[in-house]
Amino acid sequence: MNTTPSPLVELRDLRFGYGERVILDGITLTVPKGKVTALMGASGGGKTTVLRLIGGQYRAQSGALLFDGQEVGGLSPEGLYAARRRMGMLYQFGALFTDLSVFDNVAFPLREHTSLAPDLIRDIVLMKLEAVGLRGARDLMPSEISGGMARRVALARAIALDPELVMYDEPFAGLDPISLGTAARLIRQLNDALGLTSIIVSHDLDETFHIADQVIILANGRIAAQGTPAEVRGSTDPLVHQFVTAAPEGPVRFHHPAPDLVQDFGLSPQAPGRAP
């Protein structure tokens, strides 16, 4: 009997770039339903680009991206709108509306995308805030709460419409250790309690590896490693090893490719006292 969860998101030989700059070069991966998948890798490796492709902000130049069996790039505007209602997004640093209260931030998607009665919206908002431990902060403004609290409010907003997929773009960036641990625990608990599928883009190895079911490391436009956290940690690939150990030396160099120093600074190797 096959117990492998069916995929909610699939990328099949997907290619995408900006002009001549290739970002994703033939990526194939699956995001299983009900699981937490982490997308990791060095900055500029295409992790956030994958989220934007899933949400239909970008379209693949070749290959396919499927959401629950539907080709996202081929959806009509109405079809894409319907697919997006099944997705939630937590942006870097929360991206709360600064002129709206905590309550109104969470209520915003419900008011925009449903015709629910105000009393029902109130109950849903309070339930979502209770799920992230902030029901008592409903009347505060974003300027009156901490960064960690703002991230939790943003998470409550991301799940307000009961999405099937929640995407997290650097959910741990800038958080203190307590807030970081709280956010990580919430992501895992909500994923399991609500039957969500989660995709996390993160550079925080310890917390992400602790809560993820699957880790995918992107590098140079391709998948460098894919598997359970333990499998990825045990990879012998030099690039993956450098990433998971934070080694300063390895395939990822400190210096971006540049002309020779002599050429750039006009130095003469023969001149006394001049650096070669």
C-alpha atoms as a PDB file:
ATOM      1  CA  MET A   1       0.000   0.000   0.000  1.00  0.00           C
ATOM      2  CA  ASN A   2       1.375   3.429  -0.992  1.00  0.00           C
ATOM      3  CA  THR A   3       1.248   5.813   1.991  1.00  0.00           C
ATOM      4  CA  THR A   4       3.103   8.681   0.304  1.00  0.00           C
ATOM      5  CA  PRO A   5       0.955  11.849   0.436  1.00  0.00           C
ATOM      6  CA  SER A   6      -0.167  13.124  -2.957  1.00  0.00           C
ATOM      7  CA  PRO A   7       1.518  16.363  -4.010  1.00  0.00           C
ATOM      8  CA  LEU A   8      -0.270  19.700  -3.676  1.00  0.00           C
ATOM      9  CA  VAL A   9       2.425  21.502  -5.675  1.00  0.00           C
ATOM     10  CA  GLU A  10       4.577  20.078  -8.474  1.00  0.00           C
ATOM     11  CA  LEU A  11       7.363  21.652 -10.506  1.00  0.00           C
ATOM     12  CA  ARG A  12       8.271  19.700 -13.638  1.00  0.00           C
ATOM     13  CA  ASP A  13      11.482  20.614 -15.452  1.00  0.00           C
ATOM     14  CA  LEU A  14      10.690  24.257 -14.741  1.00  0.00           C
ATOM     15  CA  ARG A  15      12.869  27.022 -16.125  1.00  0.00           C
ATOM     16  CA  PHE A  16      12.712  30.701 -15.240  1.00  0.00           C
ATOM     17  CA  GLY A  17      15.029  33.670 -15.497  1.00  0.00           C
ATOM     18  CA  TYR A  18      15.300  37.410 -15.909  1.00  0.00           C
ATOM     19  CA  GLY A  19      16.515  38.132 -19.419  1.00  0.00           C
ATOM     20  CA  GLU A  20      19.677  36.111 -19.928  1.00  0.00           C
ATOM     21  CA  ARG A  21      20.097  35.490 -16.196  1.00  0.00           C
ATOM     22  CA  VAL A  22      18.865  31.974 -15.394  1.00  0.00           C
ATOM     23  CA  ILE A  23      17.342  31.604 -11.903  1.00  0.00           C
ATOM     24  CA  LEU A  24      15.781  28.135 -12.097  1.00  0.00           C
ATOM     25  CA  ASP A  25      17.227  25.723 -14.636  1.00  0.00           C
ATOM     26  CA  GLY A  26      15.071  22.631 -15.039  1.00  0.00           C
ATOM     27  CA  ILE A  27      13.761  22.242 -11.477  1.00  0.00           C
ATOM     28  CA  THR A  28      11.637  19.192 -10.655  1.00  0.00           C
ATOM     29  CA  LEU A  29      10.181  18.809  -7.166  1.00  0.00           C
ATOM     30  CA  THR A  30       6.992  17.972  -5.295  1.00  0.00           C
ATOM     31  CA  VAL A  31       5.397  19.440  -2.175  1.00  0.00           C
ATOM     32  CA  PRO A  32       3.361  16.693  -0.444  1.00  0.00           C
ATOM     33  CA  LYS A  33      -0.025  17.504   1.057  1.00  0.00           C
ATOM     34  CA  GLY A  34      -0.064  17.903   4.819  1.00  0.00           C
ATOM     35  CA  LYS A  35       3.711  18.268   5.140  1.00  0.00           C
ATOM     36  CA  VAL A  36       6.159  21.077   5.893  1.00  0.00           C
ATOM     37  CA  THR A  37       8.637  21.601   3.064  1.00  0.00           C
ATOM     38  CA  ALA A  38      11.630  23.900   3.507  1.00  0.00           C
ATOM     39  CA  LEU A  39      13.273  25.674   0.572  1.00  0.00           C
ATOM     40  CA  MET A  40      16.814  26.654   1.499  1.00  0.00           C
ATOM     41  CA  GLY A  41      20.053  27.744  -0.111  1.00  0.00           C
ATOM     42  CA  ALA A  42      22.273  30.770  -0.561  1.00  0.00           C
ATOM     43  CA  SER A  43      20.744  34.185  -1.208  1.00  0.00           C
ATOM     44  CA  GLY A  44      19.694  34.701  -4.811  1.00  0.00           C
ATOM     45  CA  GLY A  45      19.178  30.988  -5.402  1.00  0.00           C
ATOM     46  CA  GLY A  46      15.535  31.290  -6.483  1.00  0.00           C
ATOM     47  CA  LYS A  47      13.676  30.361  -3.294  1.00  0.00           C
ATOM     48  CA  THR A  48      11.324  33.353  -3.189  1.00  0.00           C
ATOM     49  CA  THR A  49      10.978  33.100  -6.972  1.00  0.00           C
ATOM     50  CA  VAL A  50       9.462  29.628  -6.481  1.00  0.00           C
ATOM     51  CA  LEU A  51       6.836  31.122  -4.142  1.00  0.00           C
ATOM     52  CA  ARG A  52       5.986  33.807  -6.696  1.00  0.00           C
ATOM     53  CA  LEU A  53       5.648  31.192  -9.437  1.00  0.00           C
ATOM     54  CA  ILE A  54       3.281  29.155  -7.262  1.00  0.00           C
ATOM     55  CA  GLY A  55       1.177  32.256  -6.598  1.00  0.00           C
ATOM     56  CA  GLY A  56       1.074  33.140 -10.291  1.00  0.00           C
ATOM     57  CA  GLN A  57       2.991  36.430  -9.988  1.00  0.00           C
ATOM     58  CA  TYR A  58       5.540  34.989 -12.420  1.00  0.00           C
ATOM     59  CA  ARG A  59       5.066  32.455 -15.175  1.00  0.00           C
ATOM     60  CA  ALA A  60       7.563  29.758 -16.046  1.00  0.00           C
ATOM     61  CA  GLN A  61       9.388  30.155 -19.329  1.00  0.00           C
ATOM     62  CA  SER A  62       9.247  26.401 -19.882  1.00  0.00           C
ATOM     63  CA  GLY A  63       8.229  23.320 -17.955  1.00  0.00           C
ATOM     64  CA  ALA A  64       5.165  23.138 -15.731  1.00  0.00           C
ATOM     65  CA  LEU A  65       4.007  24.254 -12.295  1.00  0.00           C
ATOM     66  CA  LEU A  66       0.924  22.488 -10.980  1.00  0.00           C
ATOM     67  CA  PHE A  67      -1.193  23.432  -7.976  1.00  0.00           C
ATOM     68  CA  ASP A  68      -3.487  20.581  -7.018  1.00  0.00           C
ATOM     69  CA  GLY A  69      -3.175  19.248 -10.562  1.00  0.00           C
ATOM     70  CA  GLN A  70      -3.870  22.576 -12.294  1.00  0.00           C
ATOM     71  CA  GLU A  71      -1.213  24.248 -14.443  1.00  0.00           C
ATOM     72  CA  VAL A  72      -0.876  27.680 -12.802  1.00  0.00           C
ATOM     73  CA  GLY A  73       0.580  29.301 -15.915  1.00  0.00           C
ATOM     74  CA  GLY A  74      -2.451  28.286 -17.958  1.00  0.00           C
ATOM     75  CA  LEU A  75      -5.129  29.560 -15.587  1.00  0.00           C
ATOM     76  CA  SER A  76      -7.466  32.354 -16.600  1.00  0.00           C
ATOM     77  CA  PRO A  77      -7.537  35.444 -14.351  1.00  0.00           C
ATOM     78  CA  GLU A  78     -10.649  34.029 -12.680  1.00  0.00           C
ATOM     79  CA  GLY A  79      -9.022  30.622 -12.233  1.00  0.00           C
ATOM     80  CA  LEU A  80      -5.854  32.162 -10.795  1.00  0.00           C
ATOM     81  CA  TYR A  81      -7.939  34.261  -8.409  1.00  0.00           C
ATOM     82  CA  ALA A  82      -9.736  31.121  -7.223  1.00  0.00           C
ATOM     83  CA  ALA A  83      -6.433  29.266  -6.753  1.00  0.00           C
ATOM     84  CA  ARG A  84      -4.959  32.135  -4.744  1.00  0.00           C
ATOM     85  CA  ARG A  85      -7.896  31.991  -2.342  1.00  0.00           C
ATOM     86  CA  ARG A  86      -6.669  28.514  -1.434  1.00  0.00           C
ATOM     87  CA  MET A  87      -3.227  29.917  -0.549  1.00  0.00           C
ATOM     88  CA  GLY A  88      -2.001  31.975   2.378  1.00  0.00           C
ATOM     89  CA  MET A  89       1.195  34.012   2.430  1.00  0.00           C
ATOM     90  CA  LEU A  90       3.320  35.233   5.306  1.00  0.00           C
ATOM     91  CA  TYR A  91       5.674  37.917   4.004  1.00  0.00           C
ATOM     92  CA  GLN A  92       9.041  38.899   5.415  1.00  0.00           C
ATOM     93  CA  PHE A  93       8.576  40.998   8.573  1.00  0.00           C
ATOM     94  CA  GLY A  94       4.794  40.474   8.455  1.00  0.00           C
ATOM     95  CA  ALA A  95       3.819  43.303   6.073  1.00  0.00           C
ATOM     96  CA  LEU A  96       0.921  44.396   8.278  1.00  0.00           C
ATOM     97  CA  PHE A  97      -1.193  47.392   7.319  1.00  0.00           C
ATOM     98  CA  THR A  98       0.188  50.043   9.653  1.00  0.00           C
ATOM     99  CA  ASP A  99      -3.042  52.085   9.776  1.00  0.00           C
ATOM    100  CA  LEU A 100      -5.207  49.104  10.736  1.00  0.00           C
ATOM    101  CA  SER A 101      -5.502  47.497  14.150  1.00  0.00           C
ATOM    102  CA  VAL A 102      -4.485  43.917  14.807  1.00  0.00           C
ATOM    103  CA  PHE A 103      -8.141  42.902  14.548  1.00  0.00           C
ATOM    104  CA  ASP A 104      -8.679  44.714  11.254  1.00  0.00           C
ATOM    105  CA  ASN A 105      -5.476  43.305   9.746  1.00  0.00           C
ATOM    106  CA  VAL A 106      -6.734  39.761  10.305  1.00  0.00           C
ATOM    107  CA  ALA A 107     -10.266  40.675   9.232  1.00  0.00           C
ATOM    108  CA  PHE A 108      -9.057  42.253   5.972  1.00  0.00           C
ATOM    109  CA  PRO A 109      -9.030  39.107   3.760  1.00  0.00           C
ATOM    110  CA  LEU A 110     -12.393  38.009   5.154  1.00  0.00           C
ATOM    111  CA  ARG A 111     -13.959  41.358   4.333  1.00  0.00           C
ATOM    112  CA  GLU A 112     -12.368  41.467   0.881  1.00  0.00           C
ATOM    113  CA  HIS A 113     -13.068  37.912  -0.251  1.00  0.00           C
ATOM    114  CA  THR A 114     -16.266  36.851   1.516  1.00  0.00           C
ATOM    115  CA  SER A 115     -19.760  38.169   2.207  1.00  0.00           C
ATOM    116  CA  LEU A 116     -19.820  36.902   5.783  1.00  0.00           C
ATOM    117  CA  ALA A 117     -21.789  38.812   8.396  1.00  0.00           C
ATOM    118  CA  PRO A 118     -19.769  41.106  10.690  1.00  0.00           C
ATOM    119  CA  ASP A 119     -20.539  38.976  13.755  1.00  0.00           C
ATOM    120  CA  LEU A 120     -19.199  35.853  12.045  1.00  0.00           C
ATOM    121  CA  ILE A 121     -16.097  37.702  10.859  1.00  0.00           C
ATOM    122  CA  ARG A 122     -15.533  38.841  14.434  1.00  0.00           C
ATOM    123  CA  ASP A 123     -15.699  35.264  15.726  1.00  0.00           C
ATOM    124  CA  ILE A 124     -13.341  33.968  13.021  1.00  0.00           C
ATOM    125  CA  VAL A 125     -10.809  36.736  13.660  1.00  0.00           C
ATOM    126  CA  LEU A 126     -10.817  36.091  17.394  1.00  0.00           C
ATOM    127  CA  MET A 127     -10.373  32.347  16.802  1.00  0.00           C
ATOM    128  CA  LYS A 128      -7.394  32.965  14.508  1.00  0.00           C
ATOM    129  CA  LEU A 129      -5.843  35.376  17.003  1.00  0.00           C
ATOM    130  CA  GLU A 130      -6.429  32.842  19.782  1.00  0.00           C
ATOM    131  CA  ALA A 131      -4.589  30.243  17.698  1.00  0.00           C
ATOM    132  CA  VAL A 132      -1.486  32.470  17.670  1.00  0.00           C
ATOM    133  CA  GLY A 133      -1.872  33.584  21.285  1.00  0.00           C
ATOM    134  CA  LEU A 134      -2.870  37.183  20.564  1.00  0.00           C
ATOM    135  CA  ARG A 135      -6.628  37.421  21.136  1.00  0.00           C
ATOM    136  CA  GLY A 136      -5.911  39.943  23.871  1.00  0.00           C
ATOM    137  CA  ALA A 137      -3.992  42.183  21.452  1.00  0.00           C
ATOM    138  CA  ARG A 138      -6.914  42.664  19.065  1.00  0.00           C
ATOM    139  CA  ASP A 139      -7.234  46.435  19.600  1.00  0.00           C
ATOM    140  CA  LEU A 140      -3.532  47.280  19.410  1.00  0.00           C
ATOM    141  CA  MET A 141      -1.922  48.937  16.404  1.00  0.00           C
ATOM    142  CA  PRO A 142       1.111  47.407  14.624  1.00  0.00           C
ATOM    143  CA  SER A 143       3.293  50.170  16.101  1.00  0.00           C
ATOM    144  CA  GLU A 144       2.313  49.005  19.586  1.00  0.00           C
ATOM    145  CA  ILE A 145       3.424  45.381  19.253  1.00  0.00           C
ATOM    146  CA  SER A 146       6.813  43.701  18.989  1.00  0.00           C
ATOM    147  CA  GLY A 147       8.320  42.217  15.851  1.00  0.00           C
ATOM    148  CA  GLY A 148       7.574  38.692  17.046  1.00  0.00           C
ATOM    149  CA  MET A 149       3.953  39.591  17.784  1.00  0.00           C
ATOM    150  CA  ALA A 150       3.615  41.249  14.379  1.00  0.00           C
ATOM    151  CA  ARG A 151       4.792  38.031  12.738  1.00  0.00           C
ATOM    152  CA  ARG A 152       2.122  36.088  14.652  1.00  0.00           C
ATOM    153  CA  VAL A 153      -0.576  38.568  13.620  1.00  0.00           C
ATOM    154  CA  ALA A 154       0.555  38.118  10.025  1.00  0.00           C
ATOM    155  CA  LEU A 155       0.272  34.360  10.474  1.00  0.00           C
ATOM    156  CA  ALA A 156      -3.289  34.739  11.788  1.00  0.00           C
ATOM    157  CA  ARG A 157      -4.092  36.831   8.700  1.00  0.00           C
ATOM    158  CA  ALA A 158      -2.487  34.223   6.412  1.00  0.00           C
ATOM    159  CA  ILE A 159      -4.803  31.493   7.753  1.00  0.00           C
ATOM    160  CA  ALA A 160      -7.933  33.659   7.991  1.00  0.00           C
ATOM    161  CA  LEU A 161      -9.500  32.114   4.872  1.00  0.00           C
ATOM    162  CA  ASP A 162      -8.564  28.548   5.903  1.00  0.00           C
ATOM    163  CA  PRO A 163      -6.133  28.014   3.007  1.00  0.00           C
ATOM    164  CA  GLU A 164      -4.811  24.626   1.967  1.00  0.00           C
ATOM    165  CA  LEU A 165      -1.314  25.958   1.317  1.00  0.00           C
ATOM    166  CA  VAL A 166       0.592  28.497   3.425  1.00  0.00           C
ATOM    167  CA  MET A 167       3.857  29.940   2.130  1.00  0.00           C
ATOM    168  CA  TYR A 168       6.334  31.567   4.502  1.00  0.00           C
ATOM    169  CA  ASP A 169       9.018  33.925   3.161  1.00  0.00           C
ATOM    170  CA  GLU A 170      11.755  34.192   5.810  1.00  0.00           C
ATOM    171  CA  PRO A 171       9.378  33.878   8.804  1.00  0.00           C
ATOM    172  CA  PHE A 172      12.249  33.889  11.322  1.00  0.00           C
ATOM    173  CA  ALA A 173      14.228  36.884  10.037  1.00  0.00           C
ATOM    174  CA  GLY A 174      15.005  39.455  12.714  1.00  0.00           C
ATOM    175  CA  LEU A 175      13.385  37.567  15.594  1.00  0.00           C
ATOM    176  CA  ASP A 176      14.932  37.060  19.023  1.00  0.00           C
ATOM    177  CA  PRO A 177      15.458  33.424  20.113  1.00  0.00           C
ATOM    178  CA  ILE A 178      12.213  33.265  22.114  1.00  0.00           C
ATOM    179  CA  SER A 179      10.071  34.750  19.327  1.00  0.00           C
ATOM    180  CA  LEU A 180      11.833  32.584  16.765  1.00  0.00           C
ATOM    181  CA  GLY A 181      11.125  29.407  18.696  1.00  0.00           C
ATOM    182  CA  THR A 182       7.512  30.469  19.203  1.00  0.00           C
ATOM    183  CA  ALA A 183       7.037  31.160  15.487  1.00  0.00           C
ATOM    184  CA  ALA A 184       8.584  27.842  14.492  1.00  0.00           C
ATOM    185  CA  ARG A 185       6.419  25.911  16.932  1.00  0.00           C
ATOM    186  CA  LEU A 186       3.295  27.701  15.686  1.00  0.00           C
ATOM    187  CA  ILE A 187       4.056  26.853  12.063  1.00  0.00           C
ATOM    188  CA  ARG A 188       4.370  23.169  12.902  1.00  0.00           C
ATOM    189  CA  GLN A 189       1.337  23.092  15.221  1.00  0.00           C
ATOM    190  CA  LEU A 190      -0.945  24.943  12.825  1.00  0.00           C
ATOM    191  CA  ASN A 191       0.175  22.810   9.905  1.00  0.00           C
ATOM    192  CA  ASP A 192      -0.782  19.638  11.751  1.00  0.00           C
ATOM    193  CA  ALA A 193      -3.893  20.916  13.564  1.00  0.00           C
ATOM    194  CA  LEU A 194      -5.452  22.546  10.483  1.00  0.00           C
ATOM    195  CA  GLY A 195      -4.292  19.968   7.938  1.00  0.00           C
ATOM    196  CA  LEU A 196      -2.269  22.549   6.015  1.00  0.00           C
ATOM    197  CA  THR A 197       0.556  22.161   3.551  1.00  0.00           C
ATOM    198  CA  SER A 198       3.431  24.533   4.307  1.00  0.00           C
ATOM    199  CA  ILE A 199       6.397  25.832   2.308  1.00  0.00           C
ATOM    200  CA  ILE A 200       9.061  27.706   4.277  1.00  0.00           C
ATOM    201  CA  VAL A 201      11.806  29.805   2.728  1.00  0.00           C
ATOM    202  CA  SER A 202      14.382  30.267   5.457  1.00  0.00           C
ATOM    203  CA  HIS A 203      18.072  30.595   6.256  1.00  0.00           C
ATOM    204  CA  ASP A 204      17.671  29.482   9.871  1.00  0.00           C
ATOM    205  CA  LEU A 205      18.928  25.906   9.764  1.00  0.00           C
ATOM    206  CA  ASP A 206      18.286  24.755  13.323  1.00  0.00           C
ATOM    207  CA  GLU A 207      14.645  25.819  13.644  1.00  0.00           C
ATOM    208  CA  THR A 208      13.762  24.979  10.056  1.00  0.00           C
ATOM    209  CA  PHE A 209      15.347  21.530  10.179  1.00  0.00           C
ATOM    210  CA  HIS A 210      13.536  20.908  13.471  1.00  0.00           C
ATOM    211  CA  ILE A 211      10.038  21.447  12.037  1.00  0.00           C
ATOM    212  CA  ALA A 212      10.417  20.427   8.374  1.00  0.00           C
ATOM    213  CA  ASP A 213       9.429  17.055   6.916  1.00  0.00           C
ATOM    214  CA  GLN A 214      11.323  17.711   3.682  1.00  0.00           C
ATOM    215  CA  VAL A 215      14.265  20.014   2.922  1.00  0.00           C
ATOM    216  CA  ILE A 216      15.179  21.157  -0.587  1.00  0.00           C
ATOM    217  CA  ILE A 217      18.404  23.092  -1.127  1.00  0.00           C
ATOM    218  CA  LEU A 218      18.616  25.180  -4.289  1.00  0.00           C
ATOM    219  CA  ALA A 219      21.955  26.212  -5.755  1.00  0.00           C
ATOM    220  CA  ASN A 220      23.061  27.493  -9.141  1.00  0.00           C
ATOM    221  CA  GLY A 221      19.561  27.145 -10.535  1.00  0.00           C
ATOM    222  CA  ARG A 222      19.235  23.475  -9.635  1.00  0.00           C
ATOM    223  CA  ILE A 223      18.437  21.213  -6.687  1.00  0.00           C
ATOM    224  CA  ALA A 224      21.633  20.479  -4.761  1.00  0.00           C
ATOM    225  CA  ALA A 225      19.971  18.248  -2.151  1.00  0.00           C
ATOM    226  CA  GLN A 226      16.518  16.979  -1.297  1.00  0.00           C
ATOM    227  CA  GLY A 227      15.295  14.725   1.495  1.00  0.00           C
ATOM    228  CA  THR A 228      14.567  14.612   5.193  1.00  0.00           C
ATOM    229  CA  PRO A 229      16.521  17.009   7.423  1.00  0.00           C
ATOM    230  CA  ALA A 230      18.736  14.114   8.540  1.00  0.00           C
ATOM    231  CA  GLU A 231      19.438  13.079   4.941  1.00  0.00           C
ATOM    232  CA  VAL A 232      20.352  16.623   3.930  1.00  0.00           C
ATOM    233  CA  ARG A 233      22.629  17.079   6.953  1.00  0.00           C
ATOM    234  CA  GLY A 234      24.430  13.888   5.971  1.00  0.00           C
ATOM    235  CA  SER A 235      24.962  14.927   2.350  1.00  0.00           C
ATOM    236  CA  THR A 236      28.523  14.636   1.055  1.00  0.00           C
ATOM    237  CA  ASP A 237      27.940  17.233  -1.646  1.00  0.00           C
ATOM    238  CA  PRO A 238      30.534  20.001  -1.017  1.00  0.00           C
ATOM    239  CA  LEU A 239      28.043  22.818  -1.564  1.00  0.00           C
ATOM    240  CA  VAL A 240      25.435  21.285   0.742  1.00  0.00           C
ATOM    241  CA  HIS A 241      28.090  20.582   3.369  1.00  0.00           C
ATOM    242  CA  GLN A 242      29.251  24.203   3.218  1.00  0.00           C
ATOM    243  CA  PHE A 243      25.683  25.440   3.609  1.00  0.00           C
ATOM    244  CA  VAL A 244      24.649  23.267   6.554  1.00  0.00           C
ATOM    245  CA  THR A 245      27.941  23.844   8.400  1.00  0.00           C
ATOM    246  CA  ALA A 246      28.177  27.566   7.535  1.00  0.00           C
ATOM    247  CA  ALA A 247      31.752  27.027   6.392  1.00  0.00           C
ATOM    248  CA  PRO A 248      33.387  30.209   5.009  1.00  0.00           C
ATOM    249  CA  GLU A 249      35.315  28.283   2.339  1.00  0.00           C
ATOM    250  CA  GLY A 250      33.765  26.024  -0.260  1.00  0.00           C
ATOM    251  CA  PRO A 251      31.994  26.147  -3.621  1.00  0.00           C
ATOM    252  CA  VAL A 252      30.259  29.406  -2.613  1.00  0.00           C
ATOM    253  CA  ARG A 253      33.030  31.998  -2.700  1.00  0.00           C
ATOM    254  CA  PHE A 254      33.275  35.219  -0.697  1.00  0.00           C
ATOM    255  CA  HIS A 255      34.447  37.198  -3.743  1.00  0.00           C
ATOM    256  CA  HIS A 256      32.179  37.668  -6.720  1.00  0.00           C
ATOM    257  CA  PRO A 257      34.100  36.983  -9.963  1.00  0.00           C
ATOM    258  CA  ALA A 258      36.049  40.125 -10.869  1.00  0.00           C
ATOM    259  CA  PRO A 259      38.908  41.235 -13.129  1.00  0.00           C
ATOM    260  CA  ASP A 260      42.468  40.683 -11.954  1.00  0.00           C
ATOM    261  CA  LEU A 261      43.657  43.223  -9.358  1.00  0.00           C
ATOM    262  CA  VAL A 262      46.536  44.317 -11.597  1.00  0.00           C
ATOM    263  CA  GLN A 263      44.075  45.000 -14.402  1.00  0.00           C
ATOM    264  CA  ASP A 264      41.565  46.856 -12.218  1.00  0.00           C
ATOM    265  CA  PHE A 265      44.021  49.046 -10.297  1.00  0.00           C
ATOM    266  CA  GLY A 266      46.597  49.480 -13.022  1.00  0.00           C
ATOM    267  CA  LEU A 267      49.325  47.995 -10.855  1.00  0.00           C
ATOM    268  CA  SER A 268      52.584  46.825 -12.363  1.00  0.00           C
ATOM    269  CA  PRO A 269      53.906  43.507 -11.016  1.00  0.00           C
ATOM    270  CA  GLN A 270      57.482  44.753 -11.666  1.00  0.00           C
ATOM    271  CA  ALA A 271      57.140  48.071  -9.783  1.00  0.00           C
ATOM    272  CA  PRO A 272      58.880  48.029  -6.347  1.00  0.00           C
ATOM    273  CA  GLY A 273      56.541  48.137  -3.411  1.00  0.00           C
ATOM    274  CA  ARG A 274      53.421  47.379  -5.440  1.00  0.00           C
ATOM    275  CA  ALA A 275      51.184  44.434  -4.792  1.00  0.00           C
ATOM    276  CA  PRO A 276      51.121  41.832  -7.548  1.00  0.00           C
END
